[in-house]
Protein backbone atom coordinates (compact mmCIF):
# COMPACT_ATOMS: atom_id res chain seq x y z
CA MET A 1 105.36 130.43 92.83
CA PHE A 2 105.39 134.25 92.72
CA ARG A 3 103.89 134.37 89.26
CA ASN A 4 101.13 131.80 89.65
CA THR A 5 100.25 131.50 93.32
CA LEU A 6 100.84 135.08 94.50
CA ASN A 7 99.64 136.88 91.35
CA LEU A 8 102.82 138.92 91.02
CA GLN A 9 101.85 140.21 87.58
CA GLU A 10 98.50 141.48 88.83
CA HIS A 11 100.19 143.24 91.77
CA LEU A 12 102.66 144.91 89.41
CA ARG A 13 99.86 145.90 87.01
CA THR A 14 97.94 147.46 89.91
CA LEU A 15 101.03 149.32 91.14
CA ARG A 16 101.64 150.65 87.64
CA SER A 17 98.00 151.73 87.23
CA VAL A 18 98.01 153.80 90.38
CA PHE A 19 101.56 154.95 91.12
CA LEU A 20 102.30 155.81 87.48
CA LEU A 21 98.79 157.23 86.94
CA GLU A 22 97.99 154.79 84.14
CA ALA A 23 94.38 154.74 85.32
CA GLY A 24 94.39 158.39 84.26
CA ASP A 25 90.70 159.19 84.13
CA LEU A 26 90.08 157.63 87.53
CA LEU A 27 93.04 159.32 89.15
CA GLN A 28 92.22 162.63 87.46
CA GLU A 29 89.02 162.77 89.51
CA PHE A 30 90.95 161.93 92.68
CA CYS A 31 93.57 164.62 92.00
CA VAL A 32 91.11 167.36 91.05
CA ASP A 33 89.06 166.76 94.20
CA MET A 34 92.22 166.80 96.31
CA PHE A 35 93.50 170.02 94.68
CA THR A 36 90.14 171.71 95.14
CA ARG A 37 90.01 170.81 98.81
CA PHE A 38 93.60 171.91 99.42
CA GLU A 39 92.97 175.20 97.68
CA SER A 40 89.79 175.82 99.68
CA MET A 41 91.67 175.14 102.91
CA CYS A 42 94.43 177.57 102.01
CA ARG A 43 92.06 180.27 100.78
CA ASP A 44 89.89 180.06 103.89
CA SER A 45 92.89 180.21 106.21
CA LEU A 46 94.02 183.42 104.50
CA GLN A 47 90.59 185.05 104.51
CA SER A 48 89.80 184.45 108.14
CA ASN A 49 91.36 183.31 111.32
CA LYS A 50 89.94 179.79 111.16
CA PRO A 51 91.39 176.94 113.19
CA THR A 52 94.00 174.71 111.65
CA LEU A 53 93.22 171.57 109.68
CA SER A 54 93.51 169.24 112.65
CA GLN A 55 91.04 171.38 114.63
CA ARG A 56 88.36 171.42 111.89
CA ARG A 57 88.45 168.08 110.14
CA SER A 58 84.71 168.07 109.51
CA ASP A 59 84.83 171.23 107.35
CA TYR A 60 86.68 169.55 104.51
CA SER A 61 86.86 165.90 105.55
CA LEU A 62 90.44 165.93 104.41
CA ASP A 63 92.64 163.48 106.21
CA SER A 64 94.40 160.24 105.44
CA LEU A 65 91.29 158.13 105.87
CA MET A 66 89.10 160.28 103.63
CA LEU A 67 91.73 160.45 100.90
CA THR A 68 92.20 156.68 101.09
CA LEU A 69 88.44 156.07 100.86
CA PHE A 70 88.11 158.46 97.94
CA LEU A 71 91.03 156.78 96.16
CA HIS A 72 89.37 153.38 96.63
CA ASP A 73 86.10 154.78 95.35
CA CYS A 74 87.71 156.25 92.24
CA LEU A 75 89.70 153.11 91.47
CA GLY A 76 86.76 150.82 92.20
CA ARG A 77 84.75 152.27 89.33
CA ARG A 78 86.75 150.43 86.71
CA LEU A 79 89.09 148.19 88.66
CA SER A 80 86.41 146.74 90.96
CA CYS A 81 87.34 143.17 90.07
CA ASN A 82 90.88 143.87 91.26
CA GLU A 83 91.01 143.15 94.99
CA PHE A 84 94.48 144.71 95.19
CA ILE A 85 93.18 148.29 94.95
CA TYR A 86 92.21 148.05 98.62
CA ARG A 87 95.85 147.61 99.55
CA PHE A 88 96.49 151.30 98.86
CA LYS A 89 96.57 153.78 101.72
CA VAL A 90 97.11 157.54 101.59
CA ASP A 91 99.06 159.02 104.50
CA MET A 92 99.52 162.71 105.21
CA ASN A 93 101.78 164.56 107.60
CA ASP A 94 99.07 166.49 109.45
CA GLU A 95 101.44 168.83 111.32
CA LEU A 96 103.12 169.84 108.08
CA MET A 97 99.70 170.28 106.48
CA ASP A 98 98.65 172.73 109.22
CA GLU A 99 101.84 174.73 108.83
CA LEU A 100 101.67 174.87 105.03
CA GLN A 101 97.98 175.68 105.03
CA THR A 102 98.56 178.83 107.08
CA LYS A 103 101.33 179.87 104.68
CA ASN A 104 99.17 179.15 101.60
CA GLN A 105 101.74 176.76 100.12
CA LEU A 106 99.51 174.33 98.27
CA HIS A 107 102.34 173.04 96.10
CA GLN A 108 104.22 171.83 99.17
CA ILE A 109 101.19 170.13 100.69
CA ILE A 110 101.49 167.47 98.00
CA ASP A 111 104.94 166.64 99.36
CA SER A 112 103.31 165.65 102.63
CA LEU A 113 101.37 162.86 100.87
CA ASN A 114 102.56 159.30 101.02
CA LEU A 115 100.85 156.61 98.98
CA LYS A 116 101.41 153.19 100.49
CA TYR A 117 100.73 149.70 99.19
CA VAL A 118 100.39 146.81 101.64
CA VAL A 119 102.51 143.84 100.59
CA GLU A 120 102.54 140.67 102.62
CA TRP A 121 105.17 137.98 102.92
CA PRO A 122 106.55 136.36 100.75
CA LEU A 123 105.59 138.88 98.07
CA ASN A 124 107.51 141.59 99.94
CA ILE A 125 110.70 139.85 98.83
CA VAL A 126 110.01 141.05 95.28
CA ILE A 127 107.94 144.18 95.97
CA HIS A 128 109.94 145.65 98.84
CA GLN A 129 109.70 148.98 100.65
CA THR A 130 112.61 150.57 98.77
CA ALA A 131 110.83 149.99 95.47
CA LEU A 132 107.54 151.28 96.88
CA GLN A 133 109.27 154.44 98.14
CA LYS A 134 110.60 155.06 94.64
CA TYR A 135 107.14 154.46 93.21
CA ASN A 136 105.79 157.01 95.71
CA LYS A 137 108.34 159.63 94.62
CA ILE A 138 107.27 159.14 91.01
CA PHE A 139 103.62 159.37 92.08
CA ILE A 140 104.25 162.67 93.91
CA PHE A 141 106.06 164.07 90.86
CA LEU A 142 103.21 163.08 88.53
CA VAL A 143 100.62 164.55 90.91
CA LYS A 144 102.58 167.81 90.88
CA VAL A 145 102.52 167.77 87.07
CA LYS A 146 98.75 167.22 87.22
CA GLN A 147 98.46 170.12 89.64
CA VAL A 148 100.33 172.43 87.26
CA MET A 149 98.07 171.35 84.40
CA TRP A 150 95.00 171.90 86.58
CA ASN A 151 96.14 175.41 87.51
CA LEU A 152 96.90 176.29 83.88
CA GLN A 153 93.47 175.09 82.75
CA ARG A 154 91.78 177.15 85.46
CA MET A 155 93.80 180.23 84.48
CA GLN A 156 92.80 179.75 80.85
CA VAL A 157 89.13 179.56 81.81
CA ARG A 158 89.46 182.74 83.87
CA LEU A 159 91.17 184.55 81.00
CA ILE A 160 88.49 183.45 78.54
CA SER A 161 85.72 184.56 80.90
CA ILE A 162 87.36 188.00 81.32
CA THR A 163 87.52 188.64 77.58
């Protein structure tokens, strides 16, 4: 029943593609855009006395909904035939984001992300919340690795342009 009727294999393939960043080129675009926006928020909060994130949503359009829509857009480019990509939702702890933004702690902002996957009954018997929480921890770790790589590449470009 799980394998044939509920498409368990397709659900697991979709989870693997996103949570484990197997759809690397698609998720690279998502991550780079997210890092750029986070960095702009932090830089602007240091340079001026701008309002916090929750007071100026329109400046960066960075909230759970916008990140979720951008994730769907990125994944839909290649995985458009997979209806399961629309089960993903990005949540952020907005209060923590405001606090970290004022302290310029971009690396900790990623910890406030929570990637969720909607699983309905009876599939939630196999793909349960404990497993999804572990998947999310792996996702956060891999996003942090991508962030380090992104920062190193930007530093290399700056060094090359200086010389």
